[in-house]
Amino acid sequence: MSGISNLQHTFENALAATERTLNLFGYVPFVSTVSGGLRIIYGKVEIITGLALSAIGIVGALCKQGSDRKSAMDQADSFFKYSIHGLANVARGLVESVPFVNLVCFFWDQANERMAYPSELCQRQIHQLNPHP
């Protein structure tokens, strides 16, 4: 799975499922005010966790050499991307929090793919290589 552990894969699938569920609630005016607030909190946790894990990973990488260091830095970069994903969730939560403005999210989702986690990208690549399992 190109460097993504089973635990990380499972975790990312849970995060993606949570986001898809929040998306459904985020389409309904006034309900979206609550789901948008939850998404903002969710995004903040994702930002903080991503930054913390990335910092720990960088410190750990500095204690290694050669290909082990590169691998650890790649993992730290992967964790940093969670914080970027969290920023996107905070931004979307702000939009969802305003009744009727939240409908922009519905049209956005119809026109664009949501920001995917690394394990989702791997799944798409595997499916593209083997569309008929």
Foldseek 3Di string as FASTA:
>chain_A
DVLQDPVNLVVQVVVVVLVVVLLVLLQAFPSLLVSLVVLLVVLVVQLVQLQVQLVVLQVVLVVDDDPSSVSSNVVSVLSNVSNVLSVVSNVLSVQSSHGPSSNVSVVCVVVDPRDGRPSVVVVVVVCVVPVDD
